[in-house]
C-alpha atoms as a PDB file:
ATOM      1  CA  MET A   1     -64.108 114.922  94.715  1.00  0.00           C
ATOM      2  CA  SER A   2     -62.558 112.717  97.235  1.00  0.00           C
ATOM      3  CA  ALA A   3     -62.657 112.389 100.479  1.00  0.00           C
ATOM      4  CA  ASP A   4     -59.316 112.544 103.039  1.00  0.00           C
ATOM      5  CA  ILE A   5     -59.552 109.216 105.273  1.00  0.00           C
ATOM      6  CA  ASP A   6     -57.245 108.344 107.397  1.00  0.00           C
ATOM      7  CA  ILE A   7     -57.032 104.296 108.672  1.00  0.00           C
ATOM      8  CA  ILE A   8     -54.328 103.481 111.580  1.00  0.00           C
ATOM      9  CA  PRO A   9     -55.088 100.854 113.898  1.00  0.00           C
ATOM     10  CA  ALA A  10     -56.457 101.577 117.467  1.00  0.00           C
ATOM     11  CA  GLY A  11     -53.793 102.265 119.933  1.00  0.00           C
ATOM     12  CA  GLY A  12     -55.087  99.363 122.812  1.00  0.00           C
ATOM     13  CA  THR A  13     -58.791  97.447 123.503  1.00  0.00           C
ATOM     14  CA  ILE A  14     -61.679  98.773 121.803  1.00  0.00           C
ATOM     15  CA  LYS A  15     -64.805  97.672 123.798  1.00  0.00           C
ATOM     16  CA  VAL A  16     -68.655  98.619 122.698  1.00  0.00           C
ATOM     17  CA  VAL A  17     -71.091  98.451 125.462  1.00  0.00           C
ATOM     18  CA  PHE A  18     -74.775  97.759 125.067  1.00  0.00           C
ATOM     19  CA  ASN A  19     -77.417  97.318 127.481  1.00  0.00           C
ATOM     20  CA  GLY A  20     -74.608  96.456 130.125  1.00  0.00           C
ATOM     21  CA  VAL A  21     -73.083  93.858 127.966  1.00  0.00           C
ATOM     22  CA  ALA A  22     -69.924  93.910 125.816  1.00  0.00           C
ATOM     23  CA  VAL A  23     -71.282  93.283 122.480  1.00  0.00           C
ATOM     24  CA  ALA A  24     -67.390  93.907 120.911  1.00  0.00           C
ATOM     25  CA  GLU A  25     -64.570  93.984 122.286  1.00  0.00           C
ATOM     26  CA  SER A  26     -60.644  93.830 120.095  1.00  0.00           C
ATOM     27  CA  ARG A  27     -56.779  94.493 120.347  1.00  0.00           C
ATOM     28  CA  ARG A  28     -57.181  94.903 116.636  1.00  0.00           C
ATOM     29  CA  ALA A  29     -59.937  97.861 115.719  1.00  0.00           C
ATOM     30  CA  LEU A  30     -58.881 100.011 113.173  1.00  0.00           C
ATOM     31  CA  VAL A  31     -59.524 104.222 113.531  1.00  0.00           C
ATOM     32  CA  LEU A  32     -60.907 105.894 110.430  1.00  0.00           C
ATOM     33  CA  HIS A  33     -61.157 109.314 110.534  1.00  0.00           C
ATOM     34  CA  GLU A  34     -62.859 111.454 107.004  1.00  0.00           C
ATOM     35  CA  ASP A  35     -62.549 114.813 106.647  1.00  0.00           C
ATOM     36  CA  GLY A  36     -65.610 116.501 108.605  1.00  0.00           C
ATOM     37  CA  HIS A  37     -66.677 113.072 110.202  1.00  0.00           C
ATOM     38  CA  ALA A  38     -66.256 111.707 113.301  1.00  0.00           C
ATOM     39  CA  LEU A  39     -63.582 109.168 114.462  1.00  0.00           C
ATOM     40  CA  ILE A  40     -65.150 105.941 114.046  1.00  0.00           C
ATOM     41  CA  HIS A  41     -63.516 102.190 115.190  1.00  0.00           C
ATOM     42  CA  TYR A  42     -64.358  99.479 112.974  1.00  0.00           C
ATOM     43  CA  ILE A  43     -63.976  96.094 114.805  1.00  0.00           C
ATOM     44  CA  PRO A  44     -63.245  92.973 113.113  1.00  0.00           C
ATOM     45  CA  ALA A  45     -66.006  90.799 112.779  1.00  0.00           C
ATOM     46  CA  ALA A  46     -65.015  88.324 114.574  1.00  0.00           C
ATOM     47  CA  ASP A  47     -64.228  90.109 117.902  1.00  0.00           C
ATOM     48  CA  VAL A  48     -68.293  91.051 117.516  1.00  0.00           C
ATOM     49  CA  ARG A  49     -70.729  89.150 119.577  1.00  0.00           C
ATOM     50  CA  MET A  50     -72.869  88.092 116.403  1.00  0.00           C
ATOM     51  CA  GLU A  51     -75.715  86.286 118.323  1.00  0.00           C
ATOM     52  CA  HIS A  52     -76.550  90.134 119.451  1.00  0.00           C
ATOM     53  CA  LEU A  53     -77.259  91.552 115.515  1.00  0.00           C
ATOM     54  CA  SER A  54     -79.813  90.646 112.955  1.00  0.00           C
ATOM     55  CA  PRO A  55     -79.291  91.729 109.856  1.00  0.00           C
ATOM     56  CA  THR A  56     -81.014  94.493 108.562  1.00  0.00           C
ATOM     57  CA  ALA A  57     -82.941  95.115 104.993  1.00  0.00           C
ATOM     58  CA  HIS A  58     -81.441  98.736 104.974  1.00  0.00           C
ATOM     59  CA  HIS A  59     -78.499  99.564 103.191  1.00  0.00           C
ATOM     60  CA  SER A  60     -76.288 102.909 101.810  1.00  0.00           C
ATOM     61  CA  HIS A  61     -73.987 103.956  99.694  1.00  0.00           C
ATOM     62  CA  CYS A  62     -71.057 106.348 100.450  1.00  0.00           C
ATOM     63  CA  PRO A  63     -69.168 107.295  97.267  1.00  0.00           C
ATOM     64  CA  HIS A  64     -65.876 107.412  99.147  1.00  0.00           C
ATOM     65  CA  LYS A  65     -66.156 104.009 101.124  1.00  0.00           C
ATOM     66  CA  GLY A  66     -68.673 101.972  98.615  1.00  0.00           C
ATOM     67  CA  ASP A  67     -72.127 100.112  99.568  1.00  0.00           C
ATOM     68  CA  ALA A  68     -72.890  99.743 103.480  1.00  0.00           C
ATOM     69  CA  SER A  69     -74.943  96.877 105.114  1.00  0.00           C
ATOM     70  CA  TYR A  70     -76.615  97.358 108.291  1.00  0.00           C
ATOM     71  CA  TRP A  71     -77.786  95.035 111.688  1.00  0.00           C
ATOM     72  CA  THR A  72     -80.319  95.954 114.552  1.00  0.00           C
ATOM     73  CA  LEU A  73     -78.796  95.279 117.620  1.00  0.00           C
ATOM     74  CA  THR A  74     -80.494  93.449 120.457  1.00  0.00           C
ATOM     75  CA  VAL A  75     -79.881  92.416 124.135  1.00  0.00           C
ATOM     76  CA  GLY A  76     -81.632  91.522 126.541  1.00  0.00           C
ATOM     77  CA  GLY A  77     -84.849  92.694 124.880  1.00  0.00           C
ATOM     78  CA  LEU A  78     -83.194  96.008 124.194  1.00  0.00           C
ATOM     79  CA  SER A  79     -83.031  96.592 120.032  1.00  0.00           C
ATOM     80  CA  ALA A  80     -81.391  99.282 118.803  1.00  0.00           C
ATOM     81  CA  GLU A  81     -82.547  99.018 114.317  1.00  0.00           C
ATOM     82  CA  ASN A  82     -79.598  99.622 112.297  1.00  0.00           C
ATOM     83  CA  ALA A  83     -77.036 100.343 114.903  1.00  0.00           C
ATOM     84  CA  VAL A  84     -74.256  98.771 113.734  1.00  0.00           C
ATOM     85  CA  TRP A  85     -73.156  98.583 109.932  1.00  0.00           C
ATOM     86  CA  SER A  86     -70.232  96.885 107.965  1.00  0.00           C
ATOM     87  CA  TYR A  87     -68.919  97.842 103.738  1.00  0.00           C
ATOM     88  CA  PRO A  88     -69.038  94.287 102.493  1.00  0.00           C
ATOM     89  CA  ASP A  89     -66.728  95.140  99.641  1.00  0.00           C
ATOM     90  CA  PRO A  90     -65.473  98.720 100.696  1.00  0.00           C
ATOM     91  CA  LEU A  91     -63.834 100.468  97.763  1.00  0.00           C
ATOM     92  CA  GLU A  92     -59.962 100.172  97.411  1.00  0.00           C
ATOM     93  CA  ALA A  93     -58.569 103.066  98.895  1.00  0.00           C
ATOM     94  CA  VAL A  94     -60.719 101.950 102.505  1.00  0.00           C
ATOM     95  CA  ALA A  95     -59.944  98.317 101.444  1.00  0.00           C
ATOM     96  CA  ALA A  96     -58.604  97.818 105.441  1.00  0.00           C
ATOM     97  CA  ILE A  97     -61.948  98.257 106.707  1.00  0.00           C
ATOM     98  CA  LYS A  98     -62.779  95.331 105.485  1.00  0.00           C
ATOM     99  CA  GLY A  99     -63.955  92.435 107.169  1.00  0.00           C
ATOM    100  CA  HIS A 100     -64.973  95.363 110.144  1.00  0.00           C
ATOM    101  CA  MET A 101     -68.135  96.357 111.635  1.00  0.00           C
ATOM    102  CA  ALA A 102     -68.715 100.308 112.951  1.00  0.00           C
ATOM    103  CA  PHE A 103     -70.754 100.759 115.721  1.00  0.00           C
ATOM    104  CA  TYR A 104     -73.391 104.450 115.883  1.00  0.00           C
ATOM    105  CA  ALA A 105     -71.925 105.519 119.133  1.00  0.00           C
ATOM    106  CA  GLU A 106     -75.757 107.972 119.872  1.00  0.00           C
ATOM    107  CA  MET A 107     -77.049 104.200 119.768  1.00  0.00           C
ATOM    108  CA  VAL A 108     -75.094 101.981 122.248  1.00  0.00           C
ATOM    109  CA  ASP A 109     -74.358 103.150 125.909  1.00  0.00           C
ATOM    110  CA  ALA A 110     -70.052 103.448 124.955  1.00  0.00           C
ATOM    111  CA  ILE A 111     -67.590 102.409 123.050  1.00  0.00           C
ATOM    112  CA  GLU A 112     -64.519 102.651 125.068  1.00  0.00           C
ATOM    113  CA  GLU A 113     -60.864 102.747 124.256  1.00  0.00           C
ATOM    114  CA  THR A 114     -58.283 101.219 126.783  1.00  0.00           C
ATOM    115  CA  GLU A 115     -54.398 100.530 126.785  1.00  0.00           C
END
């Protein structure tokens, strides 16, 4: 059984805010829509402030996207464990998200989209 997944460019600038700080901002983000799931913004790692991330030992597997790695997000002493993930070697059907990172919306202050 395969999932219906669409990946399109985000329409404008995507900004992720955590503890009042913009930890990611990009005009090159992708939007992934997977049936039965909320829209997820995938931001190029080059547009993520990596100094706020530390890798964790947590990993997960999605049969439609592959194996994910996770990071803890820390700003000003506040941390959100496993709040950020990426697919370092995604399956061919979602190869566009390689080199991109995603943030759990419920673990950050905001994921904003502006034109």
